Amino acid sequence: MRYSTRRFANVDRKAPDGMGAQTGATADASPLKPHDFGRSMLTDRDFEKMEWHDVKVHAIAMTSEFPRRVELMLDLDYILQWVDPNPPEEYYNFWLAPATLVFENVAELSVRLQTEQLECQIDELKREAQIAPGGARSWRWNLSLHQGEISFLSTGYKQYFRQRPILHKKQHFTQDERGGVSFSRTTNS
């Protein structure tokens, strides 16, 4: 089984000190192999290692207990790795895990979504460093979807993996396979 180096590259780069946009994983690094995946949670410190392209979003929720807790949550099937087909196979397989992505201290939320079948897949996640007048640091996040865009300010995120990765023929699970919609932060690893 070969692993594509185009997804979930294992890069250890630090964010720039100045302003500047960043996207997730780079293609020239060694991929993290899902069977070696031992962490049940990743954070914004892992941003450079992560890639969200073609990840299906099953549900979106907001929690506001201002000023204590303001969060944007996504229930998704995270693609840890695209697996190249072995001839005579023609199609990729995917290492997937249901996950809850929680952005913390969210402000200035803007959502533009247009979908007829309530389908939602991520195209790309970008961030740009922001510094408030008092010196507080946050990020301007731009979540490009195949069906629109979500942008907001946030201090960071945590992504909770609710199950161990499973090799799958599709880029997402059915509702039955994943146990329905969930924003749980409990990990079943």
N, C-alpha and C. Protein backbone atom coordinates (compact mmCIF):
# COMPACT_ATOMS: atom_id res chain seq x y z
N MET A 1 0.85 -1.17 0.00
CA MET A 1 0.00 0.00 0.00
C MET A 1 0.89 1.23 0.00
N ARG A 2 0.71 2.13 -0.93
CA ARG A 2 1.50 3.35 -1.00
C ARG A 2 0.70 4.50 -0.39
N TYR A 3 1.40 5.43 0.20
CA TYR A 3 0.76 6.59 0.78
C TYR A 3 1.07 7.82 -0.05
N SER A 4 0.05 8.55 -0.40
CA SER A 4 0.24 9.77 -1.16
C SER A 4 0.88 10.82 -0.26
N THR A 5 1.87 11.53 -0.78
CA THR A 5 2.51 12.59 -0.01
C THR A 5 1.78 13.92 -0.18
N ARG A 6 0.63 13.90 -0.87
CA ARG A 6 -0.10 15.14 -1.10
C ARG A 6 -0.98 15.53 0.07
N ARG A 7 -1.19 14.65 1.03
CA ARG A 7 -2.11 14.97 2.11
C ARG A 7 -1.47 14.70 3.46
N PHE A 8 -1.82 15.50 4.45
CA PHE A 8 -1.39 15.38 5.83
C PHE A 8 0.11 15.22 5.92
N ALA A 9 0.82 16.14 5.31
CA ALA A 9 2.28 16.11 5.36
C ALA A 9 2.76 16.40 6.77
N ASN A 10 3.83 15.76 7.18
CA ASN A 10 4.38 15.90 8.51
C ASN A 10 5.48 16.96 8.47
N VAL A 11 5.11 18.19 8.76
CA VAL A 11 6.02 19.32 8.69
C VAL A 11 6.12 19.93 10.08
N ASP A 12 7.30 20.36 10.47
CA ASP A 12 7.45 20.98 11.77
C ASP A 12 8.00 22.39 11.56
N ARG A 13 7.11 23.32 11.17
CA ARG A 13 7.51 24.70 10.95
C ARG A 13 6.77 25.57 11.94
N LYS A 14 7.41 26.62 12.37
CA LYS A 14 6.78 27.56 13.28
C LYS A 14 6.10 28.67 12.49
N ALA A 15 5.04 29.23 13.07
CA ALA A 15 4.34 30.35 12.44
C ALA A 15 5.26 31.56 12.40
N PRO A 16 5.14 32.38 11.37
CA PRO A 16 5.98 33.58 11.31
C PRO A 16 5.61 34.56 12.41
N ASP A 17 6.59 35.34 12.86
CA ASP A 17 6.33 36.32 13.90
C ASP A 17 5.52 37.49 13.38
N GLY A 18 5.71 37.83 12.11
CA GLY A 18 4.99 38.95 11.54
C GLY A 18 3.67 38.53 10.95
N MET A 19 3.05 39.44 10.23
CA MET A 19 1.79 39.14 9.57
C MET A 19 2.07 38.29 8.34
N GLY A 20 1.12 37.51 7.94
CA GLY A 20 1.28 36.71 6.75
C GLY A 20 0.29 35.57 6.74
N ALA A 21 -0.17 35.22 5.57
CA ALA A 21 -1.13 34.13 5.44
C ALA A 21 -0.41 32.80 5.40
N GLN A 22 -1.07 31.78 5.95
CA GLN A 22 -0.54 30.44 5.92
C GLN A 22 -1.66 29.49 5.51
N THR A 23 -1.29 28.44 4.81
CA THR A 23 -2.21 27.35 4.55
C THR A 23 -1.67 26.13 5.25
N GLY A 24 -2.44 25.06 5.24
CA GLY A 24 -2.06 23.83 5.92
C GLY A 24 -0.88 23.13 5.27
N ALA A 25 -0.87 21.81 5.31
CA ALA A 25 0.25 20.96 4.95
C ALA A 25 0.90 21.29 3.62
N THR A 26 2.19 21.01 3.55
CA THR A 26 2.92 21.18 2.31
C THR A 26 3.18 19.81 1.69
N ALA A 27 3.31 19.77 0.38
CA ALA A 27 3.39 18.51 -0.35
C ALA A 27 4.76 17.86 -0.32
N ASP A 28 5.80 18.59 0.07
CA ASP A 28 7.14 18.04 -0.04
C ASP A 28 7.64 17.38 1.24
N ALA A 29 6.81 17.20 2.23
CA ALA A 29 7.22 16.61 3.50
C ALA A 29 6.76 15.16 3.59
N SER A 30 7.36 14.42 4.51
CA SER A 30 6.97 13.02 4.72
C SER A 30 5.59 12.97 5.38
N PRO A 31 4.70 12.13 4.87
CA PRO A 31 3.35 12.07 5.43
C PRO A 31 3.32 11.33 6.76
N LEU A 32 2.39 11.72 7.60
CA LEU A 32 2.11 11.00 8.83
C LEU A 32 1.25 9.81 8.45
N LYS A 33 1.69 8.61 8.78
CA LYS A 33 0.93 7.41 8.42
C LYS A 33 -0.13 7.15 9.49
N PRO A 34 -1.36 6.95 9.10
CA PRO A 34 -2.45 6.81 10.06
C PRO A 34 -2.27 5.69 11.07
N HIS A 35 -1.61 4.58 10.70
CA HIS A 35 -1.42 3.51 11.68
C HIS A 35 -0.42 3.90 12.76
N ASP A 36 0.34 4.98 12.53
CA ASP A 36 1.25 5.52 13.54
C ASP A 36 0.60 6.63 14.35
N PHE A 37 -0.62 7.00 13.99
CA PHE A 37 -1.30 8.13 14.60
C PHE A 37 -1.72 7.77 16.02
N GLY A 38 -1.07 8.39 17.00
CA GLY A 38 -1.36 8.05 18.38
C GLY A 38 -2.03 9.16 19.16
N ARG A 39 -2.23 10.30 18.55
CA ARG A 39 -2.83 11.43 19.28
C ARG A 39 -4.33 11.48 19.02
N SER A 40 -5.09 11.78 20.05
CA SER A 40 -6.54 11.87 19.90
C SER A 40 -6.99 13.32 19.74
N MET A 41 -6.05 14.27 19.84
CA MET A 41 -6.39 15.68 19.66
C MET A 41 -5.20 16.39 19.01
N LEU A 42 -5.51 17.28 18.06
CA LEU A 42 -4.51 18.16 17.47
C LEU A 42 -4.96 19.59 17.74
N THR A 43 -4.01 20.53 17.72
CA THR A 43 -4.35 21.93 17.99
C THR A 43 -3.79 22.81 16.89
N ASP A 44 -4.01 24.12 17.02
CA ASP A 44 -3.49 25.06 16.03
C ASP A 44 -1.97 25.01 15.96
N ARG A 45 -1.30 24.48 16.96
CA ARG A 45 0.15 24.29 16.89
C ARG A 45 0.53 23.25 15.83
N ASP A 46 -0.44 22.41 15.46
CA ASP A 46 -0.22 21.38 14.44
C ASP A 46 -0.68 21.84 13.06
N PHE A 47 -1.05 23.10 12.92
CA PHE A 47 -1.66 23.60 11.69
C PHE A 47 -0.85 23.23 10.44
N GLU A 48 0.46 23.37 10.51
CA GLU A 48 1.30 23.11 9.34
C GLU A 48 1.30 21.64 8.94
N LYS A 49 0.92 20.75 9.84
CA LYS A 49 0.88 19.32 9.55
C LYS A 49 -0.47 18.90 8.97
N MET A 50 -1.45 19.76 9.07
CA MET A 50 -2.82 19.35 8.77
C MET A 50 -3.29 19.87 7.41
N GLU A 51 -4.21 19.12 6.82
CA GLU A 51 -4.80 19.45 5.51
C GLU A 51 -6.28 19.10 5.58
N TRP A 52 -7.13 20.01 5.15
CA TRP A 52 -8.57 19.79 5.22
C TRP A 52 -9.22 19.66 3.84
N HIS A 53 -8.45 19.59 2.77
CA HIS A 53 -9.03 19.55 1.43
C HIS A 53 -9.96 18.34 1.27
N ASP A 54 -11.17 18.59 0.78
CA ASP A 54 -12.21 17.59 0.53
C ASP A 54 -12.77 16.93 1.78
N VAL A 55 -12.50 17.49 2.96
CA VAL A 55 -13.07 16.97 4.20
C VAL A 55 -14.55 17.35 4.25
N LYS A 56 -15.40 16.37 4.53
CA LYS A 56 -16.84 16.62 4.60
C LYS A 56 -17.23 17.16 5.96
N VAL A 57 -18.02 18.24 5.94
CA VAL A 57 -18.58 18.83 7.16
C VAL A 57 -20.01 18.32 7.28
N HIS A 58 -20.30 17.62 8.37
CA HIS A 58 -21.64 17.07 8.58
C HIS A 58 -22.55 18.07 9.30
N ALA A 59 -21.95 18.92 10.15
CA ALA A 59 -22.77 19.89 10.90
C ALA A 59 -21.88 21.01 11.41
N ILE A 60 -22.51 22.18 11.63
CA ILE A 60 -21.83 23.36 12.16
C ILE A 60 -22.65 23.86 13.35
N ALA A 61 -21.98 24.24 14.43
CA ALA A 61 -22.67 24.76 15.61
C ALA A 61 -21.86 25.91 16.20
N MET A 62 -22.57 26.77 16.93
CA MET A 62 -21.93 27.88 17.63
C MET A 62 -22.32 27.81 19.10
N THR A 63 -21.37 28.11 19.98
CA THR A 63 -21.62 28.19 21.41
C THR A 63 -21.20 29.57 21.86
N SER A 64 -22.12 30.28 22.52
CA SER A 64 -21.77 31.61 23.01
C SER A 64 -22.20 31.76 24.45
N GLU A 65 -21.22 31.78 25.33
CA GLU A 65 -21.41 32.11 26.73
C GLU A 65 -20.47 33.29 27.00
N PHE A 66 -20.70 34.36 26.25
CA PHE A 66 -19.81 35.53 26.28
C PHE A 66 -19.70 36.07 27.69
N PRO A 67 -18.55 36.46 28.16
CA PRO A 67 -17.26 36.45 27.47
C PRO A 67 -16.45 35.18 27.76
N ARG A 68 -17.02 34.25 28.53
CA ARG A 68 -16.26 33.07 28.95
C ARG A 68 -15.94 32.11 27.82
N ARG A 69 -16.94 31.83 26.97
CA ARG A 69 -16.73 30.82 25.93
C ARG A 69 -17.53 31.20 24.69
N VAL A 70 -16.81 31.42 23.59
CA VAL A 70 -17.43 31.68 22.29
C VAL A 70 -16.72 30.78 21.28
N GLU A 71 -17.45 29.76 20.78
CA GLU A 71 -16.82 28.74 19.96
C GLU A 71 -17.60 28.51 18.67
N LEU A 72 -16.86 28.11 17.65
CA LEU A 72 -17.43 27.63 16.39
C LEU A 72 -16.99 26.17 16.27
N MET A 73 -17.97 25.26 16.10
CA MET A 73 -17.67 23.84 16.08
C MET A 73 -18.10 23.23 14.74
N LEU A 74 -17.27 22.33 14.22
CA LEU A 74 -17.60 21.60 13.00
C LEU A 74 -17.49 20.11 13.28
N ASP A 75 -18.52 19.37 12.88
CA ASP A 75 -18.50 17.92 12.93
C ASP A 75 -18.08 17.44 11.55
N LEU A 76 -16.95 16.76 11.46
CA LEU A 76 -16.42 16.40 10.15
C LEU A 76 -15.81 15.01 10.12
N ASP A 77 -15.60 14.50 8.91
CA ASP A 77 -14.85 13.27 8.69
C ASP A 77 -13.49 13.69 8.17
N TYR A 78 -12.50 13.68 9.06
CA TYR A 78 -11.17 14.17 8.70
C TYR A 78 -10.40 13.13 7.90
N ILE A 79 -9.87 13.55 6.76
CA ILE A 79 -9.05 12.69 5.91
C ILE A 79 -7.60 12.83 6.37
N LEU A 80 -7.10 11.80 7.03
CA LEU A 80 -5.71 11.83 7.47
C LEU A 80 -4.75 11.53 6.33
N GLN A 81 -5.18 10.70 5.39
CA GLN A 81 -4.28 10.31 4.31
C GLN A 81 -5.08 9.83 3.10
N TRP A 82 -4.64 10.25 1.92
CA TRP A 82 -5.14 9.70 0.66
C TRP A 82 -4.19 8.57 0.31
N VAL A 83 -4.72 7.40 0.01
CA VAL A 83 -3.89 6.24 -0.32
C VAL A 83 -3.98 6.00 -1.82
N ASP A 84 -2.82 6.07 -2.49
CA ASP A 84 -2.78 5.86 -3.94
C ASP A 84 -3.31 4.47 -4.29
N PRO A 85 -3.99 4.36 -5.42
CA PRO A 85 -4.48 3.04 -5.84
C PRO A 85 -3.34 2.13 -6.26
N ASN A 86 -3.47 0.85 -5.96
CA ASN A 86 -2.52 -0.17 -6.45
C ASN A 86 -3.12 -0.78 -7.70
N PRO A 87 -2.38 -0.77 -8.81
CA PRO A 87 -2.92 -1.36 -10.04
C PRO A 87 -3.36 -2.81 -9.79
N PRO A 88 -4.48 -3.22 -10.28
CA PRO A 88 -5.32 -2.61 -11.29
C PRO A 88 -6.38 -1.65 -10.73
N GLU A 89 -6.34 -1.35 -9.42
CA GLU A 89 -7.31 -0.41 -8.84
C GLU A 89 -7.14 0.96 -9.49
N GLU A 90 -8.25 1.69 -9.58
CA GLU A 90 -8.22 3.01 -10.21
C GLU A 90 -8.48 4.15 -9.24
N TYR A 91 -9.03 3.84 -8.07
CA TYR A 91 -9.49 4.88 -7.17
C TYR A 91 -8.69 4.90 -5.87
N TYR A 92 -8.58 6.10 -5.30
CA TYR A 92 -7.93 6.27 -4.01
C TYR A 92 -8.77 5.63 -2.91
N ASN A 93 -8.10 5.24 -1.83
CA ASN A 93 -8.74 4.92 -0.57
C ASN A 93 -8.35 6.03 0.40
N PHE A 94 -8.99 6.08 1.57
CA PHE A 94 -8.78 7.19 2.48
C PHE A 94 -8.73 6.70 3.92
N TRP A 95 -7.74 7.19 4.66
CA TRP A 95 -7.74 6.98 6.10
C TRP A 95 -8.57 8.10 6.70
N LEU A 96 -9.69 7.74 7.34
CA LEU A 96 -10.66 8.71 7.88
C LEU A 96 -10.87 8.53 9.37
N ALA A 97 -11.27 9.61 10.02
CA ALA A 97 -11.70 9.54 11.41
C ALA A 97 -12.74 10.64 11.65
N PRO A 98 -13.87 10.31 12.28
CA PRO A 98 -14.82 11.35 12.67
C PRO A 98 -14.15 12.27 13.70
N ALA A 99 -14.35 13.57 13.55
CA ALA A 99 -13.68 14.53 14.43
C ALA A 99 -14.57 15.73 14.71
N THR A 100 -14.28 16.38 15.83
CA THR A 100 -14.93 17.64 16.19
C THR A 100 -13.85 18.71 16.18
N LEU A 101 -14.02 19.70 15.30
CA LEU A 101 -13.08 20.82 15.19
C LEU A 101 -13.70 22.01 15.93
N VAL A 102 -13.00 22.50 16.97
CA VAL A 102 -13.53 23.58 17.82
C VAL A 102 -12.60 24.78 17.74
N PHE A 103 -13.10 25.88 17.17
CA PHE A 103 -12.35 27.14 17.16
C PHE A 103 -12.73 27.91 18.41
N GLU A 104 -11.73 28.48 19.09
CA GLU A 104 -11.92 29.12 20.38
C GLU A 104 -11.88 30.64 20.28
N ASN A 105 -12.62 31.31 21.17
CA ASN A 105 -12.64 32.77 21.25
C ASN A 105 -12.94 33.39 19.89
N VAL A 106 -14.06 32.99 19.32
CA VAL A 106 -14.44 33.41 17.97
C VAL A 106 -15.09 34.79 17.99
N ALA A 107 -14.77 35.59 16.98
CA ALA A 107 -15.37 36.92 16.80
C ALA A 107 -15.47 37.20 15.30
N GLU A 108 -16.27 38.16 14.94
CA GLU A 108 -16.42 38.62 13.55
C GLU A 108 -16.72 37.48 12.59
N LEU A 109 -17.66 36.62 12.96
CA LEU A 109 -18.03 35.46 12.15
C LEU A 109 -18.84 35.90 10.93
N SER A 110 -18.44 35.41 9.76
CA SER A 110 -19.15 35.65 8.51
C SER A 110 -19.31 34.32 7.80
N VAL A 111 -20.57 33.99 7.43
CA VAL A 111 -20.85 32.72 6.78
C VAL A 111 -21.57 32.99 5.46
N ARG A 112 -21.04 32.41 4.38
CA ARG A 112 -21.71 32.45 3.08
C ARG A 112 -21.72 31.02 2.56
N LEU A 113 -22.91 30.45 2.48
CA LEU A 113 -23.05 29.05 2.09
C LEU A 113 -24.21 28.91 1.14
N GLN A 114 -23.97 28.28 0.00
CA GLN A 114 -25.03 28.04 -0.98
C GLN A 114 -24.95 26.59 -1.41
N THR A 115 -25.96 25.81 -1.00
CA THR A 115 -25.99 24.39 -1.33
C THR A 115 -27.43 23.93 -1.46
N GLU A 116 -27.72 23.18 -2.49
CA GLU A 116 -29.07 22.68 -2.71
C GLU A 116 -29.33 21.38 -1.96
N GLN A 117 -28.30 20.56 -1.77
CA GLN A 117 -28.47 19.26 -1.15
C GLN A 117 -27.89 19.19 0.26
N LEU A 118 -27.62 20.34 0.85
CA LEU A 118 -27.03 20.43 2.19
C LEU A 118 -25.72 19.66 2.31
N GLU A 119 -24.95 19.65 1.23
CA GLU A 119 -23.61 19.07 1.22
C GLU A 119 -22.61 20.17 1.51
N CYS A 120 -21.55 19.83 2.22
CA CYS A 120 -20.55 20.84 2.54
C CYS A 120 -19.19 20.17 2.67
N GLN A 121 -18.24 20.55 1.79
CA GLN A 121 -16.87 20.05 1.84
C GLN A 121 -15.90 21.22 1.89
N ILE A 122 -14.84 21.03 2.64
CA ILE A 122 -13.81 22.05 2.76
C ILE A 122 -12.88 21.97 1.55
N ASP A 123 -12.56 23.12 1.00
CA ASP A 123 -11.56 23.20 -0.05
C ASP A 123 -10.20 23.51 0.58
N GLU A 124 -10.15 24.52 1.45
CA GLU A 124 -8.88 24.94 2.02
C GLU A 124 -9.13 25.75 3.29
N LEU A 125 -8.22 25.64 4.24
CA LEU A 125 -8.26 26.45 5.45
C LEU A 125 -6.98 27.28 5.50
N LYS A 126 -7.16 28.61 5.59
CA LYS A 126 -6.02 29.54 5.66
C LYS A 126 -6.13 30.34 6.95
N ARG A 127 -4.99 30.85 7.40
CA ARG A 127 -4.99 31.75 8.55
C ARG A 127 -3.97 32.85 8.33
N GLU A 128 -4.27 33.99 8.95
CA GLU A 128 -3.38 35.13 8.89
C GLU A 128 -3.29 35.73 10.29
N ALA A 129 -2.07 35.97 10.74
CA ALA A 129 -1.85 36.49 12.09
C ALA A 129 -2.46 37.88 12.23
N GLN A 130 -3.10 38.12 13.36
CA GLN A 130 -3.71 39.41 13.69
C GLN A 130 -3.22 39.83 15.07
N ILE A 131 -2.92 41.10 15.22
CA ILE A 131 -2.52 41.62 16.53
C ILE A 131 -3.43 42.79 16.88
N ALA A 132 -4.12 42.66 18.00
CA ALA A 132 -5.05 43.70 18.46
C ALA A 132 -4.26 44.89 18.99
N PRO A 133 -4.91 46.08 19.10
CA PRO A 133 -4.21 47.26 19.61
C PRO A 133 -3.52 47.05 20.96
N GLY A 134 -4.08 46.22 21.82
CA GLY A 134 -3.48 45.94 23.13
C GLY A 134 -2.37 44.90 23.07
N GLY A 135 -2.09 44.37 21.88
CA GLY A 135 -1.02 43.39 21.72
C GLY A 135 -1.49 41.94 21.73
N ALA A 136 -2.78 41.71 21.97
CA ALA A 136 -3.29 40.33 21.98
C ALA A 136 -3.19 39.74 20.58
N ARG A 137 -2.82 38.48 20.53
CA ARG A 137 -2.63 37.79 19.24
C ARG A 137 -3.81 36.87 18.95
N SER A 138 -4.24 36.89 17.71
CA SER A 138 -5.27 35.96 17.25
C SER A 138 -5.00 35.69 15.77
N TRP A 139 -5.90 34.95 15.16
CA TRP A 139 -5.77 34.61 13.74
C TRP A 139 -7.05 34.98 13.01
N ARG A 140 -6.91 35.46 11.79
CA ARG A 140 -8.03 35.61 10.86
C ARG A 140 -8.09 34.30 10.09
N TRP A 141 -9.15 33.53 10.27
CA TRP A 141 -9.32 32.24 9.61
C TRP A 141 -10.23 32.39 8.41
N ASN A 142 -9.88 31.74 7.31
CA ASN A 142 -10.72 31.72 6.11
C ASN A 142 -10.90 30.26 5.71
N LEU A 143 -12.10 29.76 5.92
CA LEU A 143 -12.45 28.39 5.61
C LEU A 143 -13.17 28.39 4.27
N SER A 144 -12.42 28.09 3.21
CA SER A 144 -13.01 28.04 1.86
C SER A 144 -13.69 26.70 1.69
N LEU A 145 -14.96 26.74 1.31
CA LEU A 145 -15.75 25.55 1.08
C LEU A 145 -16.03 25.42 -0.40
N HIS A 146 -16.34 24.22 -0.86
CA HIS A 146 -16.76 24.06 -2.25
C HIS A 146 -18.09 24.78 -2.46
N GLN A 147 -18.82 25.02 -1.37
CA GLN A 147 -20.15 25.63 -1.44
C GLN A 147 -20.20 27.04 -0.83
N GLY A 148 -19.08 27.65 -0.54
CA GLY A 148 -19.10 28.99 0.05
C GLY A 148 -17.86 29.28 0.86
N GLU A 149 -18.05 30.04 1.95
CA GLU A 149 -16.91 30.48 2.74
C GLU A 149 -17.35 30.83 4.15
N ILE A 150 -16.48 30.54 5.12
CA ILE A 150 -16.68 30.94 6.50
C ILE A 150 -15.41 31.66 6.92
N SER A 151 -15.53 32.87 7.44
CA SER A 151 -14.35 33.60 7.93
C SER A 151 -14.65 34.14 9.32
N PHE A 152 -13.59 34.28 10.12
CA PHE A 152 -13.76 34.72 11.50
C PHE A 152 -12.39 34.96 12.13
N LEU A 153 -12.40 35.60 13.29
CA LEU A 153 -11.21 35.73 14.14
C LEU A 153 -11.31 34.66 15.21
N SER A 154 -10.16 34.09 15.60
CA SER A 154 -10.12 33.09 16.66
C SER A 154 -8.70 32.99 17.18
N THR A 155 -8.57 32.65 18.45
CA THR A 155 -7.23 32.50 19.03
C THR A 155 -6.61 31.15 18.70
N GLY A 156 -7.42 30.19 18.24
CA GLY A 156 -6.87 28.88 17.89
C GLY A 156 -7.96 27.83 17.83
N TYR A 157 -7.55 26.57 17.71
CA TYR A 157 -8.51 25.47 17.64
C TYR A 157 -7.96 24.23 18.30
N LYS A 158 -8.90 23.33 18.57
CA LYS A 158 -8.59 21.95 18.97
C LYS A 158 -9.43 21.05 18.08
N GLN A 159 -8.82 19.98 17.57
CA GLN A 159 -9.56 19.01 16.78
C GLN A 159 -9.49 17.67 17.51
N TYR A 160 -10.67 17.17 17.92
CA TYR A 160 -10.80 15.95 18.70
C TYR A 160 -11.19 14.80 17.77
N PHE A 161 -10.40 13.73 17.78
CA PHE A 161 -10.71 12.55 16.98
C PHE A 161 -11.54 11.61 17.83
N ARG A 162 -12.77 11.35 17.40
CA ARG A 162 -13.71 10.57 18.20
C ARG A 162 -13.56 9.07 17.99
N GLN A 163 -12.85 8.66 16.95
CA GLN A 163 -12.56 7.25 16.69
C GLN A 163 -11.16 7.14 16.10
N ARG A 164 -10.59 5.95 16.16
CA ARG A 164 -9.32 5.70 15.50
C ARG A 164 -9.53 5.76 13.99
N PRO A 165 -8.51 6.12 13.21
CA PRO A 165 -8.64 6.16 11.75
C PRO A 165 -8.98 4.79 11.17
N ILE A 166 -9.81 4.82 10.13
CA ILE A 166 -10.25 3.61 9.43
C ILE A 166 -9.97 3.80 7.94
N LEU A 167 -9.44 2.76 7.28
CA LEU A 167 -9.24 2.81 5.84
C LEU A 167 -10.60 2.63 5.17
N HIS A 168 -10.96 3.57 4.28
CA HIS A 168 -12.31 3.61 3.70
C HIS A 168 -12.20 3.87 2.20
N LYS A 169 -13.18 3.40 1.45
CA LYS A 169 -13.18 3.60 -0.01
C LYS A 169 -13.70 4.96 -0.43
N LYS A 170 -14.41 5.65 0.45
CA LYS A 170 -14.95 6.97 0.14
C LYS A 170 -14.28 8.02 1.01
N GLN A 171 -14.50 9.30 0.66
CA GLN A 171 -13.89 10.40 1.40
C GLN A 171 -14.67 10.77 2.65
N HIS A 172 -15.73 10.06 2.92
CA HIS A 172 -16.52 10.33 4.13
C HIS A 172 -17.30 9.09 4.51
N PHE A 173 -17.77 9.09 5.76
CA PHE A 173 -18.59 8.00 6.28
C PHE A 173 -20.06 8.30 6.05
N THR A 174 -20.89 7.26 6.09
CA THR A 174 -22.34 7.47 6.14
C THR A 174 -22.68 7.86 7.57
N GLN A 175 -23.88 8.36 7.79
CA GLN A 175 -24.30 8.71 9.15
C GLN A 175 -24.27 7.49 10.07
N ASP A 176 -24.67 6.33 9.57
CA ASP A 176 -24.64 5.11 10.38
C ASP A 176 -23.21 4.71 10.73
N GLU A 177 -22.28 4.80 9.77
CA GLU A 177 -20.90 4.42 10.01
C GLU A 177 -20.23 5.31 11.06
N ARG A 178 -20.61 6.56 11.10
CA ARG A 178 -19.94 7.51 12.00
C ARG A 178 -20.70 7.72 13.30
N GLY A 179 -21.90 7.12 13.43
CA GLY A 179 -22.67 7.27 14.66
C GLY A 179 -23.48 8.54 14.70
N GLY A 180 -23.83 9.10 13.53
CA GLY A 180 -24.64 10.31 13.46
C GLY A 180 -23.84 11.57 13.67
N VAL A 181 -24.55 12.69 13.81
CA VAL A 181 -23.92 14.00 14.05
C VAL A 181 -23.50 14.08 15.51
N SER A 182 -22.29 14.64 15.73
CA SER A 182 -21.80 14.78 17.10
C SER A 182 -20.81 15.95 17.20
N PHE A 183 -20.89 16.64 18.31
CA PHE A 183 -19.90 17.67 18.63
C PHE A 183 -19.13 17.26 19.89
N SER A 184 -19.11 15.99 20.17
CA SER A 184 -18.44 15.46 21.36
C SER A 184 -16.95 15.73 21.29
N ARG A 185 -16.39 15.97 22.45
CA ARG A 185 -14.94 16.14 22.57
C ARG A 185 -14.31 14.92 23.23
N THR A 186 -15.14 13.91 23.43
CA THR A 186 -14.65 12.65 23.99
C THR A 186 -14.02 11.84 22.88
N THR A 187 -12.82 11.36 23.13
CA THR A 187 -12.10 10.59 22.12
C THR A 187 -12.20 9.11 22.43
N ASN A 188 -12.38 8.32 21.39
CA ASN A 188 -12.48 6.86 21.54
C ASN A 188 -11.27 6.20 20.93
N SER A 189 -10.09 6.63 21.33
CA SER A 189 -8.88 6.03 20.77
C SER A 189 -8.40 4.97 21.72
